[in-house]
Amino acid sequence: MPLGQRVVLIGGGHNALVAAFYLARGGFKPLVLERREMVGGGAITEEFYPGFRASTLAHTLGPLRADIARDMQLQRFSCEILSPDPRVFAPAPDGRALFFYNDAAKTAAGIADFSEKDAGKYAEFAESLESISEVLTQLVSMTPPAVDKPSPEDFWNLFKTGRGVRRLGKEGMFNLFRWSPMAVADFVAEFFETELLRAVIAARGIFGNALGPWSAGSTAVLLLRAAADSHPVGSAAYPRGGLGSFTRALAESARGAGGEIRTDAEVEQIRIKDGAIAGVVLKGGEEIAVEAVASSVDPKRTFFHLIDPSQLDPVFANRIKNFRARGNVAKVNLALGGLPAFTALEAHEHALRALSGRIHIGPDIDYLERAFDNSKYGEFSKAPYLDVTIPTILDPALAPDGKQVLSAYVQFAPYKLKEGNWDSCRRELGLTVIKTLSTYAPNLSSLVEGVQVITPADLETCYGFTGGHVFHGELALDQLFTMRPVLDWARYKTPVRGLFLCGSGTHPGNGLTGASGANAAREIIRELR
C-alpha cells in the first residue's frame, strides 16, 4: 500500500487516538470515526448533574506509557496532570487508616502503626515490584510472537526479554515464574500480615475483572499493571478538567500529526469482499472505500456486529465467541453539597490532602472475596469493594463553589443478574454505595444532591462495551499475551486481510496506557508497507 493511503479507525477511544497519531507520523492518512459526539471512549468528562462534571467512566490515568507521552507531547495541548500524594487513603472500620505516599519510607512509617514487621517488608516489596516491572515493560511493549512460525524479530524480542529476566538473578527469576499463576491473596501474604495492607495491594489484581483475591492467576494481573506503574498501589494521576481533557489532547496531537477525526459517525458495517476489507458503511448509508481498517472497539462487537460472522472462519469465530467479556464493574458518581468527613481523618492534620488521591474501601482479603462471591451467583455485592476519588479537591472547577464530586468504581456488579434487571436495581445499587461509604464517612448521605449510576448494561448500550466489560475482555492468564484476544491472532492482524484490532481486547489491554494502540500502529505500518 502506498504511503498517504487512508486507514479508517473505528471508535475514538484513547487507543485509537494513539494509533492514529503513529499512523499519521508514519505517512498514512488515518481517519477516526467515533459514533458519539465526543472522542474518548471510556475516558471522558461529562456533566452528570446540573453544575457537576465527572470523569464519567475511568477516573484515573493508566498512566500513559512514557514513550507515547514523550512522542505525543500532550503538554502542548493544555493537558495538566494532577498527581496527588498520598496516592491512596485506605480507612478501616475501626477508625484507623493507611496512607500510601510516593515515598516508600513515608508509607512504611505509617504501616509501622499496624505492624513493625510489615513496615520493614514494604520497601523490599516495592523494590521487587520495580525490578520485575522493568522486565514486564519490555513484554507489554512488544508484539506477541507468532506461535507456529516466529519471525527473526520475534526471536530477538524474546531474547531481549529473556536477558531482562536473567538480570533478575536466580531468586528473582524463580519468583516471577512462581508468582504469576498465584492467587493474589497468597502473593501479598508472603510479604505482609496486616489485613488492610494486604487488601489494598491485592485489589490491583482483581480490579475490573471477574476475579476475587483467591482466584488463581490474579497475581499475573497485578504484575501486568506493575509494568505501567511499579508503585505497590498503582497510579492516582488524573488530568485537570477530567479524563476528557486527556483524550481531547490525544485527539489534538493526532490531528497535528495529520490525522482526521469525525464524531457523530457511527460505523454500521465493515464490508468484506473475497476475504479482504472493501470499505465501511456508516449509519445513514455513507460508504467509505478503504484498503485497511483498525477497530478499537471490542473483538466481539467487531466480529459479530460490524461483520457478518458467516464470512469468518468457523474455528476463529468460535474462539472469539468464547472470549470472556462479561463485565463485573459499575460506576456511581455523586454530586455532594460538601466534603465527606471520614472518621479516620478526624485527627489528621492533612485530612484534605489525604482525600485528594484514591480512596480504597475494602478492609481485608475476606471482604474482597465475599464481594466477589455475590457476583458468581448473579447478585451485586451488598458490601462492595470501592475505588473512590474526590477530584474536586484538586480540581474545584468540576463542581459549583464549595461543592464536591465523588466518583466510585463498584465491584462486584455482574452484567447478568439472576433476578430482575439493572433498570429495576439501579437505585438500590446507588443506595448500597452510599451506605457502604457512610460506614467510613457518617455525614455522606446528608450531603448527596445527585446520583448517577452506570450499570454494566449501560456500559454496553450507552458506551459500546460488549458485555459491559471495561477492558473489552477478561484480563486472565488464558486471555493474555499470545492469547489476547485468541491464540494465533494476538498480533493485531485478523483473518480478514486489511482488518486490524487496536483496542483493549488486544495485548496488553490494560487501562489507559495507550500500549495496545501504539503496538497495533507499529504492526499496521509494517504490514501495509
Protein backbone atom coordinates (compact mmCIF):
# COMPACT_ATOMS: atom_id res chain seq x y z
CA MET A 1 0.00 0.00 0.00
CA PRO A 2 1.48 3.38 -0.92
CA LEU A 3 2.14 5.96 1.73
CA GLY A 4 -0.65 8.51 2.07
CA GLN A 5 -3.34 5.82 1.85
CA ARG A 6 -6.29 6.28 4.19
CA VAL A 7 -6.68 3.91 7.15
CA VAL A 8 -10.02 4.03 8.95
CA LEU A 9 -10.03 3.58 12.75
CA ILE A 10 -13.36 2.57 14.25
CA GLY A 11 -14.03 4.14 17.64
CA GLY A 12 -12.46 7.24 19.18
CA GLY A 13 -11.12 5.81 22.42
CA HIS A 14 -7.63 6.54 23.66
CA ASN A 15 -6.03 3.56 21.88
CA ALA A 16 -7.49 4.62 18.52
CA LEU A 17 -6.21 8.17 19.02
CA VAL A 18 -2.73 6.90 19.88
CA ALA A 19 -2.76 4.58 16.86
CA ALA A 20 -3.95 7.43 14.62
CA PHE A 21 -1.04 9.60 15.77
CA TYR A 22 1.56 6.96 14.92
CA LEU A 23 -0.09 6.08 11.61
CA ALA A 24 -0.09 9.75 10.61
CA ARG A 25 3.52 10.10 11.67
CA GLY A 26 4.27 7.01 9.57
CA GLY A 27 2.98 8.70 6.43
CA PHE A 28 -0.57 7.35 6.28
CA LYS A 29 -3.86 9.26 6.43
CA PRO A 30 -5.79 7.91 9.42
CA LEU A 31 -9.48 8.70 9.72
CA VAL A 32 -11.00 8.13 13.17
CA LEU A 33 -14.76 7.51 13.17
CA GLU A 34 -16.46 7.98 16.57
CA ARG A 35 -20.17 7.27 16.97
CA ARG A 36 -20.68 9.67 19.90
CA GLU A 37 -20.48 13.46 19.81
CA MET A 38 -17.08 13.38 21.55
CA VAL A 39 -13.95 11.29 21.40
CA GLY A 40 -12.62 9.46 24.43
CA GLY A 41 -14.41 6.12 24.74
CA GLY A 42 -14.08 5.22 28.41
CA ALA A 43 -12.03 8.36 29.16
CA ILE A 44 -14.49 11.25 29.01
CA THR A 45 -15.74 14.16 31.12
CA GLU A 46 -19.50 14.80 31.23
CA GLU A 47 -22.00 16.75 33.30
CA PHE A 48 -23.95 14.17 35.29
CA TYR A 49 -25.97 16.58 37.45
CA PRO A 50 -26.57 20.33 36.89
CA GLY A 51 -23.26 22.09 37.55
CA PHE A 52 -21.37 18.87 38.37
CA ARG A 53 -18.92 17.24 35.94
CA ALA A 54 -17.02 14.00 36.38
CA SER A 55 -14.74 11.58 34.57
CA THR A 56 -17.81 9.51 33.81
CA LEU A 57 -16.18 6.09 33.49
CA ALA A 58 -12.42 5.79 34.08
CA HIS A 59 -11.30 8.25 36.75
CA THR A 60 -7.51 7.89 36.80
CA LEU A 61 -4.81 7.62 34.15
CA GLY A 62 -3.08 4.33 33.35
CA PRO A 63 -0.51 6.05 33.29
CA LEU A 64 0.17 6.72 29.58
CA ARG A 65 3.27 4.78 28.53
CA ALA A 66 6.32 7.03 28.84
CA ASP A 67 7.44 6.81 25.20
CA ILE A 68 3.91 7.62 23.98
CA ALA A 69 3.66 10.63 26.29
CA ARG A 70 7.03 11.82 25.03
CA ASP A 71 6.09 11.39 21.36
CA MET A 72 2.62 12.95 21.59
CA GLN A 73 3.73 15.90 23.78
CA LEU A 74 0.35 16.34 25.44
CA GLN A 75 1.60 19.30 27.49
CA ARG A 76 1.44 21.32 24.26
CA PHE A 77 -2.35 20.91 24.31
CA SER A 78 -3.05 22.24 27.82
CA CYS A 79 -3.17 18.79 29.41
CA GLU A 80 -2.14 19.34 33.03
CA ILE A 81 -1.71 16.14 35.03
CA LEU A 82 -2.57 16.32 38.75
CA SER A 83 -0.58 13.89 40.88
CA PRO A 84 -1.86 13.68 44.47
CA ASP A 85 0.30 12.49 47.35
CA PRO A 86 -0.69 10.29 49.12
CA ARG A 87 -1.81 8.23 46.17
CA VAL A 88 -4.19 6.12 48.25
CA PHE A 89 -6.01 6.60 51.54
CA ALA A 90 -7.36 3.33 52.96
CA PRO A 91 -9.62 3.67 56.02
CA ALA A 92 -10.51 0.75 58.26
CA PRO A 93 -13.87 0.32 60.05
CA ASP A 94 -12.13 0.75 63.44
CA GLY A 95 -11.15 4.35 62.59
CA ARG A 96 -7.53 3.69 61.68
CA ALA A 97 -6.11 4.16 58.18
CA LEU A 98 -3.17 3.55 55.89
CA PHE A 99 -1.66 6.21 53.61
CA PHE A 100 0.35 5.26 50.54
CA TYR A 101 2.74 8.04 49.53
CA ASN A 102 5.12 8.32 46.59
CA ASP A 103 7.91 7.96 49.14
CA ALA A 104 8.23 4.35 50.33
CA ALA A 105 9.85 5.33 53.64
CA LYS A 106 7.00 7.71 54.48
CA THR A 107 4.47 4.98 53.69
CA ALA A 108 6.39 2.48 55.81
CA ALA A 109 6.31 4.86 58.77
CA GLY A 110 2.51 4.74 58.73
CA ILE A 111 2.47 0.97 58.27
CA ALA A 112 4.55 0.68 61.44
CA ASP A 113 1.48 1.76 63.44
CA PHE A 114 -0.08 -1.53 62.34
CA SER A 115 3.00 -3.77 62.16
CA GLU A 116 6.71 -3.11 62.53
CA LYS A 117 7.39 -6.27 60.55
CA ASP A 118 5.27 -5.07 57.63
CA ALA A 119 6.89 -1.65 57.72
CA GLY A 120 10.27 -3.30 57.21
CA LYS A 121 8.92 -5.51 54.42
CA TYR A 122 7.27 -2.69 52.46
CA ALA A 123 10.47 -1.31 50.91
CA GLU A 124 11.55 -4.83 49.95
CA PHE A 125 8.18 -5.42 48.29
CA ALA A 126 8.34 -2.12 46.40
CA GLU A 127 11.84 -2.95 45.14
CA SER A 128 10.72 -6.41 43.99
CA LEU A 129 7.85 -4.93 42.01
CA GLU A 130 10.10 -2.28 40.46
CA SER A 131 12.72 -4.78 39.30
CA ILE A 132 10.08 -7.10 37.81
CA SER A 133 8.27 -4.19 36.19
CA GLU A 134 11.36 -3.41 34.11
CA VAL A 135 11.11 -6.86 32.52
CA LEU A 136 7.35 -6.68 32.09
CA THR A 137 7.62 -3.26 30.46
CA GLN A 138 9.54 -4.92 27.63
CA LEU A 139 6.86 -7.60 27.41
CA VAL A 140 3.91 -5.20 27.14
CA SER A 141 5.70 -3.06 24.56
CA MET A 142 6.35 -5.94 22.16
CA THR A 143 4.08 -7.68 19.68
CA PRO A 144 3.28 -11.20 20.90
CA PRO A 145 5.36 -13.70 18.90
CA ALA A 146 3.83 -15.91 16.21
CA VAL A 147 3.16 -19.29 17.78
CA ASP A 148 3.79 -21.51 14.73
CA LYS A 149 6.42 -19.58 12.79
CA PRO A 150 8.19 -16.98 14.92
CA SER A 151 9.99 -14.35 12.85
CA PRO A 152 13.59 -13.27 13.43
CA GLU A 153 12.18 -10.16 15.15
CA ASP A 154 10.08 -12.36 17.42
CA PHE A 155 13.19 -14.26 18.45
CA TRP A 156 15.06 -11.00 19.03
CA ASN A 157 12.27 -9.60 21.22
CA LEU A 158 12.10 -12.83 23.22
CA PHE A 159 15.88 -12.79 23.57
CA LYS A 160 15.82 -9.23 24.93
CA THR A 161 13.05 -10.14 27.35
CA GLY A 162 14.89 -13.29 28.41
CA ARG A 163 18.03 -11.25 29.02
CA GLY A 164 16.00 -8.95 31.26
CA VAL A 165 14.64 -11.93 33.16
CA ARG A 166 18.17 -13.24 33.70
CA ARG A 167 19.18 -9.90 35.19
CA LEU A 168 16.65 -10.54 37.97
CA GLY A 169 19.01 -13.20 39.30
CA LYS A 170 18.12 -16.73 40.32
CA GLU A 171 15.74 -15.72 43.11
CA GLY A 172 14.06 -13.02 41.02
CA MET A 173 13.54 -15.40 38.09
CA PHE A 174 12.10 -18.04 40.38
CA ASN A 175 9.75 -15.50 41.96
CA LEU A 176 8.49 -14.20 38.62
CA PHE A 177 7.57 -17.65 37.33
CA ARG A 178 6.14 -18.76 40.67
CA TRP A 179 4.12 -15.64 41.40
CA SER A 180 2.36 -15.24 38.04
CA PRO A 181 -0.16 -18.11 38.39
CA MET A 182 -0.74 -17.47 42.11
CA ALA A 183 -3.84 -16.09 43.77
CA VAL A 184 -3.04 -12.51 44.74
CA ALA A 185 -4.16 -13.26 48.32
CA ASP A 186 -1.32 -15.77 48.64
CA PHE A 187 1.09 -13.37 46.95
CA VAL A 188 0.56 -10.49 49.39
CA ALA A 189 0.54 -12.91 52.35
CA GLU A 190 4.14 -13.82 51.52
CA PHE A 191 5.13 -10.26 52.43
CA PHE A 192 2.59 -8.84 54.90
CA GLU A 193 0.49 -9.78 57.92
CA THR A 194 -1.72 -6.65 58.13
CA GLU A 195 -5.08 -7.37 56.53
CA LEU A 196 -5.75 -3.81 55.37
CA LEU A 197 -2.32 -3.59 53.74
CA ARG A 198 -2.83 -6.94 52.03
CA ALA A 199 -6.25 -5.88 50.73
CA VAL A 200 -5.14 -2.55 49.23
CA ILE A 201 -2.30 -4.14 47.27
CA ALA A 202 -4.27 -7.25 46.30
CA ALA A 203 -7.04 -5.07 44.85
CA ARG A 204 -4.79 -4.30 41.86
CA GLY A 205 -5.03 -7.94 40.86
CA ILE A 206 -8.83 -8.02 40.76
CA PHE A 207 -9.80 -4.53 39.63
CA GLY A 208 -12.13 -4.56 36.62
CA ASN A 209 -12.23 -8.35 36.36
CA ALA A 210 -14.32 -11.33 37.39
CA LEU A 211 -11.64 -12.36 39.85
CA GLY A 212 -11.51 -12.48 43.61
CA PRO A 213 -8.28 -12.34 45.62
CA TRP A 214 -8.32 -16.13 45.92
CA SER A 215 -8.65 -16.60 42.14
CA ALA A 216 -5.68 -18.31 40.50
CA GLY A 217 -3.75 -16.01 38.18
CA SER A 218 -4.85 -12.77 39.84
CA THR A 219 -1.20 -12.05 40.68
CA ALA A 220 -0.43 -12.03 36.94
CA VAL A 221 -2.90 -9.14 36.56
CA LEU A 222 -1.20 -7.24 39.38
CA LEU A 223 2.21 -7.77 37.74
CA LEU A 224 0.82 -6.66 34.36
CA ARG A 225 -0.29 -3.43 35.99
CA ALA A 226 3.09 -3.02 37.67
CA ALA A 227 4.57 -2.78 34.16
CA ALA A 228 2.71 0.52 33.74
CA ASP A 229 3.34 1.77 37.29
CA SER A 230 5.54 -0.15 39.71
CA HIS A 231 4.23 1.64 42.81
CA PRO A 232 2.62 -1.03 45.06
CA VAL A 233 -0.83 0.59 44.85
CA GLY A 234 -0.59 1.87 41.27
CA SER A 235 -1.45 5.19 39.71
CA ALA A 236 -3.52 8.04 41.14
CA ALA A 237 -2.95 10.71 38.49
CA TYR A 238 -5.71 12.50 36.60
CA PRO A 239 -5.91 15.49 34.25
CA ARG A 240 -7.31 18.87 35.21
CA GLY A 241 -10.79 19.01 33.70
CA GLY A 242 -11.25 15.24 33.97
CA LEU A 243 -10.17 12.48 31.63
CA GLY A 244 -11.97 14.19 28.76
CA SER A 245 -9.13 16.74 28.80
CA PHE A 246 -6.65 13.91 28.35
CA THR A 247 -8.38 12.38 25.33
CA ARG A 248 -9.00 15.84 23.85
CA ALA A 249 -5.23 16.40 23.99
CA LEU A 250 -4.64 12.98 22.37
CA ALA A 251 -7.04 13.97 19.58
CA GLU A 252 -5.31 17.32 19.02
CA SER A 253 -1.93 15.61 18.90
CA ALA A 254 -3.22 13.09 16.35
CA ARG A 255 -4.70 15.90 14.24
CA GLY A 256 -1.45 17.82 14.46
CA ALA A 257 0.39 14.79 13.06
CA GLY A 258 -2.02 14.66 10.11
CA GLY A 259 -4.90 12.53 11.34
CA GLU A 260 -8.59 13.26 10.69
CA ILE A 261 -11.30 12.73 13.32
CA ARG A 262 -15.05 12.64 12.76
CA THR A 263 -17.59 12.45 15.58
CA ASP A 264 -21.27 11.51 15.23
CA ALA A 265 -20.03 8.98 12.67
CA GLU A 266 -21.25 5.53 13.66
CA VAL A 267 -19.91 2.61 11.65
CA GLU A 268 -22.72 0.19 10.92
CA GLN A 269 -20.88 -2.36 8.81
CA ILE A 270 -17.41 -3.39 7.73
CA ARG A 271 -17.71 -4.57 4.13
CA ILE A 272 -15.67 -7.59 3.09
CA LYS A 273 -15.03 -8.86 -0.43
CA ASP A 274 -13.04 -12.00 -1.24
CA GLY A 275 -11.74 -12.22 2.32
CA ALA A 276 -10.42 -8.66 2.40
CA ILE A 277 -11.60 -5.26 3.57
CA ALA A 278 -13.59 -3.38 0.94
CA GLY A 279 -14.94 -0.44 2.93
CA VAL A 280 -17.04 0.73 5.86
CA VAL A 281 -20.67 1.78 5.85
CA LEU A 282 -21.85 4.48 8.25
CA LYS A 283 -25.25 4.70 9.86
CA GLY A 284 -27.21 6.73 7.34
CA GLY A 285 -25.72 4.94 4.36
CA GLU A 286 -22.46 6.77 3.66
CA GLU A 287 -19.83 4.37 2.39
CA ILE A 288 -16.09 4.92 2.67
CA ALA A 289 -13.82 2.84 0.46
CA VAL A 290 -10.61 1.80 2.21
CA GLU A 291 -7.93 -0.84 1.98
CA ALA A 292 -7.33 -1.05 5.75
CA VAL A 293 -9.42 -0.75 8.91
CA ALA A 294 -8.25 -0.76 12.54
CA SER A 295 -11.02 -1.45 15.03
CA SER A 296 -10.59 -0.10 18.55
CA VAL A 297 -13.98 -1.43 19.66
CA ASP A 298 -14.05 -4.77 21.44
CA PRO A 299 -13.45 -8.02 19.49
CA LYS A 300 -16.99 -9.34 19.95
CA ARG A 301 -18.55 -6.13 18.62
CA THR A 302 -16.08 -6.06 15.74
CA PHE A 303 -16.66 -9.62 14.57
CA PHE A 304 -20.29 -10.22 15.47
CA HIS A 305 -21.90 -6.79 14.98
CA LEU A 306 -19.83 -4.99 12.36
CA ILE A 307 -19.03 -8.04 10.24
CA ASP A 308 -21.30 -10.81 9.01
CA PRO A 309 -19.97 -13.76 11.11
CA SER A 310 -20.74 -16.17 8.25
CA GLN A 311 -17.74 -14.67 6.43
CA LEU A 312 -15.38 -15.73 9.21
CA ASP A 313 -13.51 -18.99 9.57
CA PRO A 314 -15.68 -21.13 11.92
CA VAL A 315 -12.76 -22.02 14.21
CA PHE A 316 -11.79 -18.37 14.62
CA ALA A 317 -15.43 -17.29 15.11
CA ASN A 318 -15.88 -19.92 17.83
CA ARG A 319 -12.76 -18.75 19.65
CA ILE A 320 -13.98 -15.14 19.60
CA LYS A 321 -17.38 -16.33 20.82
CA ASN A 322 -15.66 -17.95 23.82
CA PHE A 323 -13.56 -14.87 24.60
CA ARG A 324 -14.79 -13.97 28.10
CA ALA A 325 -16.08 -10.40 28.20
CA ARG A 326 -18.84 -10.15 30.80
CA GLY A 327 -18.30 -7.10 32.96
CA ASN A 328 -18.37 -7.06 36.74
CA VAL A 329 -18.00 -3.33 37.43
CA ALA A 330 -20.47 -0.47 37.89
CA LYS A 331 -19.79 3.24 38.35
CA VAL A 332 -21.51 5.64 40.73
CA ASN A 333 -20.95 9.40 40.57
CA LEU A 334 -22.25 11.56 43.43
CA ALA A 335 -22.93 15.30 43.48
CA LEU A 336 -22.19 16.40 47.05
CA GLY A 337 -23.08 19.61 48.89
CA GLY A 338 -19.80 19.49 50.80
CA LEU A 339 -16.80 17.36 51.73
CA PRO A 340 -17.40 13.99 53.43
CA ALA A 341 -15.92 13.76 56.91
CA PHE A 342 -14.07 10.46 57.21
CA THR A 343 -13.81 9.20 60.79
CA ALA A 344 -10.24 8.02 60.23
CA LEU A 345 -9.17 11.58 59.36
CA GLU A 346 -10.67 13.48 62.30
CA ALA A 347 -7.30 13.90 64.00
CA HIS A 348 -5.23 14.00 60.82
CA GLU A 349 -3.59 17.35 60.14
CA HIS A 350 -3.51 16.76 56.38
CA ALA A 351 -7.07 15.46 56.02
CA LEU A 352 -7.87 17.34 52.82
CA ARG A 353 -4.68 16.24 51.11
CA ALA A 354 -5.35 12.64 52.18
CA LEU A 355 -8.61 12.67 50.21
CA SER A 356 -7.08 14.10 47.03
CA GLY A 357 -5.91 10.72 45.69
CA ARG A 358 -7.76 7.41 45.52
CA ILE A 359 -9.77 6.10 48.45
CA HIS A 360 -9.79 2.32 48.93
CA ILE A 361 -12.83 0.73 50.58
CA GLY A 362 -12.20 -2.94 51.25
CA PRO A 363 -10.60 -3.58 54.65
CA ASP A 364 -9.43 -7.18 54.29
CA ILE A 365 -8.97 -10.07 51.87
CA ASP A 366 -12.10 -11.86 53.04
CA TYR A 367 -14.17 -8.71 52.48
CA LEU A 368 -12.95 -8.57 48.86
CA GLU A 369 -13.64 -12.27 48.35
CA ARG A 370 -17.16 -12.02 49.78
CA ALA A 371 -17.85 -9.09 47.47
CA PHE A 372 -16.78 -11.31 44.57
CA ASP A 373 -18.84 -14.28 45.82
CA ASN A 374 -22.10 -12.37 45.28
CA SER A 375 -21.34 -11.81 41.61
CA LYS A 376 -20.75 -15.51 40.96
CA TYR A 377 -24.42 -16.10 41.72
CA GLY A 378 -25.80 -13.20 39.70
CA GLU A 379 -26.07 -10.68 42.55
CA PHE A 380 -24.30 -7.38 43.10
CA SER A 381 -22.38 -7.05 46.34
CA LYS A 382 -24.22 -5.53 49.30
CA ALA A 383 -20.82 -4.66 50.80
CA PRO A 384 -18.82 -3.78 47.68
CA TYR A 385 -15.16 -3.11 47.14
CA LEU A 386 -14.95 0.55 46.09
CA ASP A 387 -12.23 2.54 44.37
CA VAL A 388 -13.13 6.19 45.01
CA THR A 389 -11.87 9.63 44.03
CA ILE A 390 -12.99 13.15 45.01
CA PRO A 391 -11.46 15.01 42.05
CA THR A 392 -12.84 18.41 43.06
CA ILE A 393 -10.30 18.69 45.88
CA LEU A 394 -7.52 19.35 43.34
CA ASP A 395 -9.83 20.45 40.51
CA PRO A 396 -12.65 22.51 42.08
CA ALA A 397 -13.93 23.76 38.68
CA LEU A 398 -15.71 20.40 38.23
CA ALA A 399 -18.43 21.46 40.70
CA PRO A 400 -20.13 24.65 41.95
CA ASP A 401 -18.26 26.61 44.63
CA GLY A 402 -17.95 24.71 47.90
CA LYS A 403 -19.41 21.52 46.46
CA GLN A 404 -17.76 18.23 45.57
CA VAL A 405 -17.86 15.35 43.09
CA LEU A 406 -17.35 11.79 44.33
CA SER A 407 -16.57 9.10 41.76
CA ALA A 408 -16.72 5.40 42.73
CA TYR A 409 -15.93 2.18 40.90
CA VAL A 410 -18.15 -0.54 42.34
CA GLN A 411 -17.20 -4.20 42.50
CA PHE A 412 -18.76 -6.56 42.08
CA ALA A 413 -21.74 -5.95 39.81
CA PRO A 414 -22.36 -8.73 37.25
CA TYR A 415 -23.54 -7.95 33.74
CA LYS A 416 -26.35 -10.50 34.03
CA LEU A 417 -28.43 -10.51 37.20
CA LYS A 418 -30.05 -13.68 38.48
CA GLU A 419 -33.25 -11.84 39.39
CA GLY A 420 -34.65 -8.65 37.90
CA ASN A 421 -32.67 -6.34 35.62
CA TRP A 422 -30.40 -3.38 36.01
CA ASP A 423 -33.14 -0.83 35.42
CA SER A 424 -35.02 -2.12 38.46
CA CYS A 425 -31.84 -2.49 40.56
CA ARG A 426 -30.16 0.80 39.61
CA ARG A 427 -31.43 2.80 42.60
CA GLU A 428 -30.59 0.03 45.06
CA LEU A 429 -27.00 -0.10 43.80
CA GLY A 430 -26.63 3.65 44.31
CA LEU A 431 -28.01 3.40 47.85
CA THR A 432 -25.65 0.48 48.58
CA VAL A 433 -22.65 2.60 47.63
CA ILE A 434 -23.82 5.49 49.81
CA LYS A 435 -24.47 3.14 52.74
CA THR A 436 -21.05 1.48 52.35
CA LEU A 437 -19.25 4.82 52.28
CA SER A 438 -21.26 6.10 55.24
CA THR A 439 -19.58 3.46 57.40
CA TYR A 440 -16.39 5.47 56.97
CA ALA A 441 -17.85 8.97 56.43
CA PRO A 442 -21.07 9.19 58.51
CA ASN A 443 -22.16 12.58 57.11
CA LEU A 444 -22.04 11.46 53.49
CA SER A 445 -25.74 10.65 52.99
CA SER A 446 -26.75 14.14 54.18
CA LEU A 447 -24.50 15.72 51.51
CA VAL A 448 -25.88 13.88 48.48
CA GLU A 449 -27.60 16.17 45.98
CA GLY A 450 -27.50 13.97 42.89
CA VAL A 451 -26.64 10.39 41.95
CA GLN A 452 -25.59 8.87 38.63
CA VAL A 453 -25.49 5.06 38.49
CA ILE A 454 -23.84 3.47 35.46
CA THR A 455 -24.54 -0.27 35.35
CA PRO A 456 -22.79 -2.95 33.24
CA ALA A 457 -25.87 -2.83 30.97
CA ASP A 458 -25.30 0.93 30.49
CA LEU A 459 -21.66 0.28 29.67
CA GLU A 460 -22.85 -1.89 26.79
CA THR A 461 -25.79 0.12 25.46
CA CYS A 462 -24.53 3.67 26.02
CA TYR A 463 -20.77 3.33 25.78
CA GLY A 464 -20.34 0.34 23.44
CA PHE A 465 -18.55 -2.16 25.72
CA THR A 466 -19.94 -5.58 24.76
CA GLY A 467 -20.95 -7.42 27.92
CA GLY A 468 -20.24 -4.25 29.88
CA HIS A 469 -16.54 -5.14 30.21
CA VAL A 470 -14.38 -2.04 30.63
CA PHE A 471 -11.25 -3.83 29.36
CA HIS A 472 -13.03 -5.35 26.32
CA GLY A 473 -12.41 -8.81 27.80
CA GLU A 474 -11.16 -10.51 30.96
CA LEU A 475 -7.56 -9.96 31.96
CA ALA A 476 -6.79 -13.56 32.89
CA LEU A 477 -3.90 -15.93 32.27
CA ASP A 478 -5.67 -17.63 29.36
CA GLN A 479 -6.53 -14.27 27.74
CA LEU A 480 -3.17 -12.50 27.94
CA PHE A 481 -0.17 -12.07 25.64
CA THR A 482 -0.23 -14.67 22.79
CA MET A 483 -3.84 -15.50 23.71
CA ARG A 484 -5.32 -11.99 23.58
CA PRO A 485 -7.87 -11.99 22.12
CA VAL A 486 -7.33 -15.56 20.89
CA LEU A 487 -4.47 -17.94 20.14
CA ASP A 488 -2.88 -17.46 16.69
CA TRP A 489 -4.37 -13.95 16.32
CA ALA A 490 -2.64 -11.88 19.01
CA ARG A 491 -0.51 -9.79 16.63
CA TYR A 492 -3.18 -7.13 15.91
CA LYS A 493 -3.89 -8.70 12.49
CA THR A 494 -7.09 -10.68 11.88
CA PRO A 495 -8.08 -13.41 9.39
CA VAL A 496 -9.68 -10.68 7.25
CA ARG A 497 -7.00 -9.08 5.07
CA GLY A 498 -6.66 -5.41 5.86
CA LEU A 499 -8.56 -5.62 9.16
CA PHE A 500 -6.63 -4.98 12.37
CA LEU A 501 -7.51 -4.64 16.06
CA CYS A 502 -6.08 -1.84 18.19
CA GLY A 503 -8.29 -1.69 21.30
CA SER A 504 -8.09 -3.06 24.84
CA GLY A 505 -9.10 -6.51 23.60
CA THR A 506 -5.53 -6.87 22.31
CA HIS A 507 -2.21 -7.24 24.14
CA PRO A 508 -1.63 -5.84 26.75
CA GLY A 509 -5.15 -4.42 27.08
CA ASN A 510 -4.70 -2.83 30.48
CA GLY A 511 -6.28 0.55 31.21
CA LEU A 512 -5.30 3.98 29.93
CA THR A 513 -1.70 3.28 28.95
CA GLY A 514 -2.03 3.57 25.16
CA ALA A 515 0.06 0.42 24.73
CA SER A 516 -2.44 -1.50 22.59
CA GLY A 517 -2.84 1.44 20.21
CA ALA A 518 0.88 2.09 19.85
CA ASN A 519 1.74 -1.59 19.39
CA ALA A 520 -1.01 -2.04 16.82
CA ALA A 521 0.08 1.03 14.83
CA ARG A 522 3.60 -0.37 14.58
CA GLU A 523 2.28 -3.65 13.15
CA ILE A 524 -0.18 -1.93 10.80
CA ILE A 525 2.57 0.27 9.34
CA ARG A 526 4.83 -2.76 8.88
CA GLU A 527 2.09 -4.78 7.21
CA LEU A 528 0.85 -2.02 4.90
CA ARG A 529 4.32 -1.05 3.76
